Amino acid sequence: MTPLVAGPLNDVEEDELEEGLALFDEAKFWHAHEAWESMWNRLKARHAPLEEILLVQGFIQTAALLLHHQRRNEAGVEKQWVKLRPKLEGWSVAWGLDVNAHLEAIESYAADSGQWTLDATTHQFPRTRG
């Protein structure tokens, strides 16, 4: 299967992506979710490709999964994992992000549900560019 390829973002979408990433990397998962939700709504409004809209929705859901992990909410982690996995599968990189490496890391948090040995605050969204 050929990996999906993301199209360019406009300046506002790029800013929202970067804002969400900065918040995500600071483990401010709720706030990252909010920044990405604005981007997600903007992509929908301009009729961006569905795969890109779903990709951003998957980013939102990874933030939610890590928030549930922090709160030791097993059902919340499992519910988000089931929803986000198909949205991120098939992507290698998008917008300078290593989506595949991110998905692998998030899978480890999903598998840790109920054990709580991992610290979600240490996860940084993997980049492919500086």
N, C-alpha and C. Protein backbone atom coordinates (compact mmCIF):
# COMPACT_ATOMS: atom_id res chain seq x y z
N MET A 1 0.84 -1.19 0.00
CA MET A 1 0.00 0.00 0.00
C MET A 1 0.88 1.25 0.00
N THR A 2 0.60 2.19 -0.87
CA THR A 2 1.34 3.43 -0.95
C THR A 2 0.94 4.35 0.20
N PRO A 3 1.93 4.90 0.93
CA PRO A 3 1.58 5.82 2.02
C PRO A 3 0.81 7.03 1.51
N LEU A 4 -0.06 7.54 2.33
CA LEU A 4 -0.81 8.74 1.99
C LEU A 4 0.12 9.94 1.99
N VAL A 5 -0.22 10.96 1.21
CA VAL A 5 0.58 12.17 1.12
C VAL A 5 -0.31 13.36 1.43
N ALA A 6 0.14 14.19 2.38
CA ALA A 6 -0.64 15.36 2.78
C ALA A 6 -0.32 16.55 1.87
N GLY A 7 -1.34 17.29 1.54
CA GLY A 7 -1.17 18.51 0.75
C GLY A 7 -0.71 19.65 1.64
N PRO A 8 -0.37 20.78 1.03
CA PRO A 8 0.09 21.92 1.81
C PRO A 8 -1.01 22.53 2.66
N LEU A 9 -0.60 23.13 3.76
CA LEU A 9 -1.52 23.84 4.65
C LEU A 9 -1.41 25.33 4.36
N ASN A 10 -2.48 26.06 4.64
CA ASN A 10 -2.38 27.51 4.53
C ASN A 10 -1.71 28.04 5.82
N ASP A 11 -1.42 29.32 5.87
CA ASP A 11 -0.69 29.89 7.01
C ASP A 11 -1.41 29.70 8.34
N VAL A 12 -2.72 29.88 8.34
CA VAL A 12 -3.50 29.74 9.58
C VAL A 12 -3.48 28.28 10.04
N GLU A 13 -3.68 27.36 9.11
CA GLU A 13 -3.65 25.93 9.46
C GLU A 13 -2.27 25.53 9.98
N GLU A 14 -1.23 26.04 9.35
CA GLU A 14 0.14 25.75 9.80
C GLU A 14 0.33 26.27 11.23
N ASP A 15 -0.16 27.46 11.51
CA ASP A 15 -0.05 28.02 12.87
C ASP A 15 -0.81 27.17 13.88
N GLU A 16 -2.00 26.71 13.51
CA GLU A 16 -2.79 25.88 14.42
C GLU A 16 -2.12 24.53 14.64
N LEU A 17 -1.54 23.97 13.59
CA LEU A 17 -0.79 22.72 13.74
C LEU A 17 0.36 22.92 14.71
N GLU A 18 1.15 23.97 14.51
CA GLU A 18 2.32 24.23 15.35
C GLU A 18 1.92 24.54 16.79
N GLU A 19 0.83 25.29 16.97
CA GLU A 19 0.34 25.58 18.33
C GLU A 19 -0.03 24.28 19.04
N GLY A 20 -0.76 23.43 18.33
CA GLY A 20 -1.14 22.14 18.92
C GLY A 20 0.06 21.29 19.26
N LEU A 21 1.06 21.28 18.38
CA LEU A 21 2.28 20.49 18.63
C LEU A 21 3.02 21.00 19.86
N ALA A 22 3.16 22.32 19.97
CA ALA A 22 3.85 22.90 21.13
C ALA A 22 3.13 22.53 22.43
N LEU A 23 1.82 22.62 22.42
CA LEU A 23 1.04 22.27 23.61
C LEU A 23 1.12 20.77 23.90
N PHE A 24 1.04 19.97 22.85
CA PHE A 24 1.13 18.52 22.99
C PHE A 24 2.48 18.13 23.61
N ASP A 25 3.55 18.72 23.10
CA ASP A 25 4.89 18.39 23.60
C ASP A 25 5.11 18.85 25.05
N GLU A 26 4.29 19.79 25.50
CA GLU A 26 4.33 20.24 26.90
C GLU A 26 3.37 19.44 27.77
N ALA A 27 2.76 18.39 27.18
CA ALA A 27 1.80 17.52 27.86
C ALA A 27 0.53 18.27 28.26
N LYS A 28 0.21 19.31 27.51
CA LYS A 28 -1.04 20.05 27.69
C LYS A 28 -2.02 19.50 26.66
N PHE A 29 -2.43 18.26 26.92
CA PHE A 29 -3.18 17.51 25.92
C PHE A 29 -4.55 18.11 25.61
N TRP A 30 -5.22 18.62 26.61
CA TRP A 30 -6.53 19.22 26.37
C TRP A 30 -6.38 20.45 25.47
N HIS A 31 -5.39 21.27 25.76
CA HIS A 31 -5.17 22.48 24.98
C HIS A 31 -4.72 22.15 23.55
N ALA A 32 -3.91 21.12 23.40
CA ALA A 32 -3.50 20.67 22.06
C ALA A 32 -4.73 20.23 21.28
N HIS A 33 -5.59 19.50 21.94
CA HIS A 33 -6.84 19.05 21.35
C HIS A 33 -7.63 20.24 20.82
N GLU A 34 -7.72 21.31 21.60
CA GLU A 34 -8.48 22.49 21.20
C GLU A 34 -7.85 23.17 19.98
N ALA A 35 -6.52 23.31 19.98
CA ALA A 35 -5.83 23.94 18.84
C ALA A 35 -6.06 23.12 17.57
N TRP A 36 -5.91 21.82 17.68
CA TRP A 36 -6.10 20.96 16.52
C TRP A 36 -7.56 20.91 16.08
N GLU A 37 -8.48 21.08 17.01
CA GLU A 37 -9.89 21.08 16.63
C GLU A 37 -10.20 22.28 15.74
N SER A 38 -9.57 23.41 16.02
CA SER A 38 -9.74 24.57 15.14
C SER A 38 -9.22 24.26 13.75
N MET A 39 -8.08 23.63 13.67
CA MET A 39 -7.50 23.25 12.38
C MET A 39 -8.40 22.25 11.66
N TRP A 40 -8.90 21.29 12.39
CA TRP A 40 -9.78 20.26 11.84
C TRP A 40 -11.03 20.91 11.22
N ASN A 41 -11.62 21.86 11.96
CA ASN A 41 -12.81 22.55 11.45
C ASN A 41 -12.48 23.39 10.22
N ARG A 42 -11.30 24.00 10.21
CA ARG A 42 -10.88 24.80 9.06
C ARG A 42 -10.68 23.90 7.82
N LEU A 43 -10.06 22.73 8.03
CA LEU A 43 -9.88 21.78 6.91
C LEU A 43 -11.23 21.33 6.35
N LYS A 44 -12.16 21.05 7.24
CA LYS A 44 -13.50 20.64 6.78
C LYS A 44 -14.17 21.77 6.00
N ALA A 45 -14.03 23.01 6.48
CA ALA A 45 -14.69 24.14 5.83
C ALA A 45 -14.15 24.39 4.42
N ARG A 46 -12.88 24.11 4.20
CA ARG A 46 -12.33 24.33 2.85
C ARG A 46 -12.36 23.05 2.00
N HIS A 47 -13.02 22.03 2.51
CA HIS A 47 -13.19 20.77 1.78
C HIS A 47 -11.85 20.13 1.43
N ALA A 48 -10.96 20.11 2.41
CA ALA A 48 -9.67 19.42 2.25
C ALA A 48 -9.94 17.94 2.03
N PRO A 49 -8.95 17.21 1.51
CA PRO A 49 -9.14 15.77 1.33
C PRO A 49 -9.54 15.09 2.65
N LEU A 50 -10.47 14.17 2.55
CA LEU A 50 -10.99 13.49 3.73
C LEU A 50 -9.88 12.85 4.56
N GLU A 51 -8.86 12.28 3.90
CA GLU A 51 -7.77 11.63 4.62
C GLU A 51 -7.04 12.62 5.52
N GLU A 52 -6.90 13.87 5.09
CA GLU A 52 -6.23 14.89 5.90
C GLU A 52 -7.11 15.31 7.07
N ILE A 53 -8.40 15.44 6.82
CA ILE A 53 -9.34 15.77 7.90
C ILE A 53 -9.30 14.68 8.96
N LEU A 54 -9.32 13.43 8.54
CA LEU A 54 -9.27 12.30 9.48
C LEU A 54 -7.93 12.23 10.19
N LEU A 55 -6.85 12.59 9.50
CA LEU A 55 -5.53 12.60 10.13
C LEU A 55 -5.51 13.57 11.31
N VAL A 56 -6.01 14.76 11.10
CA VAL A 56 -6.04 15.75 12.19
C VAL A 56 -6.97 15.28 13.30
N GLN A 57 -8.07 14.65 12.93
CA GLN A 57 -8.96 14.09 13.96
C GLN A 57 -8.22 13.02 14.75
N GLY A 58 -7.37 12.24 14.09
CA GLY A 58 -6.55 11.25 14.79
C GLY A 58 -5.57 11.91 15.75
N PHE A 59 -5.00 13.06 15.37
CA PHE A 59 -4.12 13.80 16.28
C PHE A 59 -4.90 14.22 17.53
N ILE A 60 -6.11 14.73 17.31
CA ILE A 60 -6.98 15.15 18.42
C ILE A 60 -7.22 13.96 19.35
N GLN A 61 -7.50 12.82 18.76
CA GLN A 61 -7.80 11.63 19.56
C GLN A 61 -6.57 11.09 20.27
N THR A 62 -5.37 11.30 19.72
CA THR A 62 -4.17 10.87 20.46
C THR A 62 -3.98 11.74 21.69
N ALA A 63 -4.28 13.03 21.56
CA ALA A 63 -4.20 13.91 22.73
C ALA A 63 -5.20 13.45 23.79
N ALA A 64 -6.40 13.09 23.35
CA ALA A 64 -7.42 12.60 24.28
C ALA A 64 -6.97 11.29 24.94
N LEU A 65 -6.38 10.39 24.15
CA LEU A 65 -5.91 9.12 24.70
C LEU A 65 -4.87 9.37 25.79
N LEU A 66 -3.92 10.27 25.54
CA LEU A 66 -2.88 10.52 26.54
C LEU A 66 -3.45 11.20 27.78
N LEU A 67 -4.45 12.05 27.60
CA LEU A 67 -5.12 12.67 28.75
C LEU A 67 -5.80 11.58 29.58
N HIS A 68 -6.48 10.65 28.91
CA HIS A 68 -7.11 9.53 29.64
C HIS A 68 -6.04 8.68 30.32
N HIS A 69 -4.91 8.48 29.67
CA HIS A 69 -3.84 7.69 30.27
C HIS A 69 -3.34 8.37 31.54
N GLN A 70 -3.14 9.69 31.48
CA GLN A 70 -2.70 10.43 32.67
C GLN A 70 -3.69 10.26 33.82
N ARG A 71 -4.97 10.23 33.48
CA ARG A 71 -6.03 10.13 34.49
C ARG A 71 -6.33 8.68 34.87
N ARG A 72 -5.60 7.77 34.27
CA ARG A 72 -5.78 6.32 34.52
C ARG A 72 -7.21 5.87 34.24
N ASN A 73 -7.72 6.35 33.13
CA ASN A 73 -9.06 6.01 32.69
C ASN A 73 -8.93 4.94 31.60
N GLU A 74 -8.99 3.71 32.02
CA GLU A 74 -8.77 2.58 31.11
C GLU A 74 -9.76 2.56 29.95
N ALA A 75 -11.04 2.76 30.24
CA ALA A 75 -12.05 2.74 29.19
C ALA A 75 -11.82 3.88 28.20
N GLY A 76 -11.44 5.04 28.68
CA GLY A 76 -11.17 6.18 27.81
C GLY A 76 -10.00 5.92 26.88
N VAL A 77 -8.93 5.33 27.41
CA VAL A 77 -7.77 4.99 26.59
C VAL A 77 -8.17 4.02 25.50
N GLU A 78 -8.86 2.97 25.88
CA GLU A 78 -9.24 1.94 24.91
C GLU A 78 -10.18 2.49 23.84
N LYS A 79 -11.13 3.33 24.23
CA LYS A 79 -12.08 3.91 23.28
C LYS A 79 -11.36 4.79 22.27
N GLN A 80 -10.43 5.62 22.73
CA GLN A 80 -9.71 6.50 21.82
C GLN A 80 -8.80 5.70 20.89
N TRP A 81 -8.17 4.66 21.40
CA TRP A 81 -7.28 3.84 20.56
C TRP A 81 -8.05 3.24 19.39
N VAL A 82 -9.22 2.70 19.66
CA VAL A 82 -10.02 2.09 18.61
C VAL A 82 -10.42 3.13 17.57
N LYS A 83 -10.70 4.36 17.99
CA LYS A 83 -11.12 5.41 17.06
C LYS A 83 -9.96 5.98 16.26
N LEU A 84 -8.80 6.17 16.89
CA LEU A 84 -7.71 6.88 16.21
C LEU A 84 -6.86 6.00 15.31
N ARG A 85 -6.72 4.75 15.65
CA ARG A 85 -5.82 3.87 14.90
C ARG A 85 -6.09 3.87 13.40
N PRO A 86 -7.34 3.65 12.97
CA PRO A 86 -7.56 3.63 11.51
C PRO A 86 -7.32 4.98 10.84
N LYS A 87 -7.39 6.06 11.60
CA LYS A 87 -7.18 7.38 11.01
C LYS A 87 -5.70 7.66 10.75
N LEU A 88 -4.82 7.05 11.54
CA LEU A 88 -3.38 7.29 11.40
C LEU A 88 -2.67 6.21 10.59
N GLU A 89 -3.28 5.03 10.49
CA GLU A 89 -2.66 3.97 9.70
C GLU A 89 -2.64 4.38 8.24
N GLY A 90 -1.59 4.01 7.55
CA GLY A 90 -1.46 4.34 6.14
C GLY A 90 -0.65 5.61 5.90
N TRP A 91 -0.41 6.37 6.96
CA TRP A 91 0.42 7.56 6.87
C TRP A 91 1.83 7.21 7.30
N SER A 92 2.79 7.73 6.58
CA SER A 92 4.18 7.63 6.99
C SER A 92 4.59 8.96 7.61
N VAL A 93 4.53 10.00 6.81
CA VAL A 93 4.82 11.35 7.29
C VAL A 93 3.74 12.30 6.76
N ALA A 94 3.55 13.39 7.46
CA ALA A 94 2.63 14.45 7.02
C ALA A 94 3.05 15.74 7.69
N TRP A 95 3.20 16.78 6.90
CA TRP A 95 3.48 18.12 7.42
C TRP A 95 4.71 18.16 8.34
N GLY A 96 5.72 17.35 8.00
CA GLY A 96 6.95 17.33 8.80
C GLY A 96 6.86 16.48 10.05
N LEU A 97 5.81 15.69 10.18
CA LEU A 97 5.60 14.84 11.35
C LEU A 97 5.76 13.38 10.95
N ASP A 98 6.38 12.61 11.81
CA ASP A 98 6.53 11.17 11.59
C ASP A 98 5.31 10.48 12.19
N VAL A 99 4.27 10.39 11.40
CA VAL A 99 3.00 9.86 11.87
C VAL A 99 3.13 8.39 12.25
N ASN A 100 3.89 7.63 11.48
CA ASN A 100 4.07 6.21 11.77
C ASN A 100 4.74 5.99 13.14
N ALA A 101 5.80 6.74 13.42
CA ALA A 101 6.47 6.63 14.72
C ALA A 101 5.54 7.06 15.85
N HIS A 102 4.75 8.09 15.59
CA HIS A 102 3.78 8.56 16.59
C HIS A 102 2.76 7.46 16.89
N LEU A 103 2.23 6.83 15.84
CA LEU A 103 1.24 5.78 16.03
C LEU A 103 1.83 4.63 16.84
N GLU A 104 3.07 4.25 16.55
CA GLU A 104 3.72 3.18 17.32
C GLU A 104 3.84 3.57 18.80
N ALA A 105 4.20 4.81 19.06
CA ALA A 105 4.32 5.27 20.45
C ALA A 105 2.97 5.27 21.15
N ILE A 106 1.95 5.74 20.46
CA ILE A 106 0.61 5.79 21.06
C ILE A 106 0.11 4.37 21.33
N GLU A 107 0.46 3.44 20.46
CA GLU A 107 0.07 2.04 20.69
C GLU A 107 0.65 1.53 22.00
N SER A 108 1.86 1.97 22.35
CA SER A 108 2.46 1.53 23.61
C SER A 108 1.68 2.07 24.80
N TYR A 109 1.13 3.28 24.68
CA TYR A 109 0.30 3.83 25.77
C TYR A 109 -1.03 3.09 25.84
N ALA A 110 -1.58 2.72 24.70
CA ALA A 110 -2.82 1.94 24.70
C ALA A 110 -2.60 0.59 25.36
N ALA A 111 -1.46 -0.04 25.05
CA ALA A 111 -1.14 -1.35 25.64
C ALA A 111 -0.85 -1.22 27.14
N ASP A 112 -0.43 -0.06 27.58
CA ASP A 112 -0.11 0.18 28.99
C ASP A 112 -1.35 0.46 29.84
N SER A 113 -2.49 0.59 29.18
CA SER A 113 -3.74 0.87 29.89
C SER A 113 -4.00 -0.21 30.94
N GLY A 114 -4.23 0.23 32.17
CA GLY A 114 -4.46 -0.69 33.28
C GLY A 114 -3.20 -1.02 34.03
N GLN A 115 -2.03 -0.84 33.40
CA GLN A 115 -0.75 -1.08 34.07
C GLN A 115 -0.15 0.23 34.56
N TRP A 116 -0.28 1.27 33.73
CA TRP A 116 0.14 2.62 34.07
C TRP A 116 1.64 2.73 34.39
N THR A 117 2.46 2.05 33.60
CA THR A 117 3.90 2.12 33.82
C THR A 117 4.55 3.24 33.01
N LEU A 118 3.85 3.75 31.98
CA LEU A 118 4.41 4.80 31.14
C LEU A 118 3.94 6.18 31.61
N ASP A 119 4.76 7.17 31.34
CA ASP A 119 4.44 8.55 31.70
C ASP A 119 4.12 9.32 30.42
N ALA A 120 2.86 9.66 30.23
CA ALA A 120 2.43 10.33 29.01
C ALA A 120 3.08 11.69 28.83
N THR A 121 3.53 12.31 29.90
CA THR A 121 4.13 13.64 29.79
C THR A 121 5.48 13.60 29.07
N THR A 122 6.04 12.43 28.90
CA THR A 122 7.35 12.34 28.24
C THR A 122 7.25 12.17 26.72
N HIS A 123 6.05 11.92 26.20
CA HIS A 123 5.91 11.70 24.75
C HIS A 123 5.95 13.02 24.01
N GLN A 124 6.82 13.09 23.02
CA GLN A 124 6.90 14.24 22.11
C GLN A 124 6.46 13.75 20.73
N PHE A 125 5.75 14.58 20.02
CA PHE A 125 5.29 14.19 18.69
C PHE A 125 6.52 14.12 17.78
N PRO A 126 6.83 12.95 17.20
CA PRO A 126 8.03 12.82 16.38
C PRO A 126 7.98 13.69 15.12
N ARG A 127 9.08 14.38 14.85
CA ARG A 127 9.21 15.25 13.67
C ARG A 127 10.12 14.58 12.64
N THR A 128 9.91 14.95 11.40
CA THR A 128 10.80 14.50 10.34
C THR A 128 11.69 15.63 9.87
N ARG A 129 11.40 16.83 10.34
CA ARG A 129 12.23 18.00 10.00
C ARG A 129 12.48 18.79 11.27
N GLY A 130 13.49 19.62 11.24
CA GLY A 130 13.91 20.38 12.41
C GLY A 130 13.00 21.45 12.84
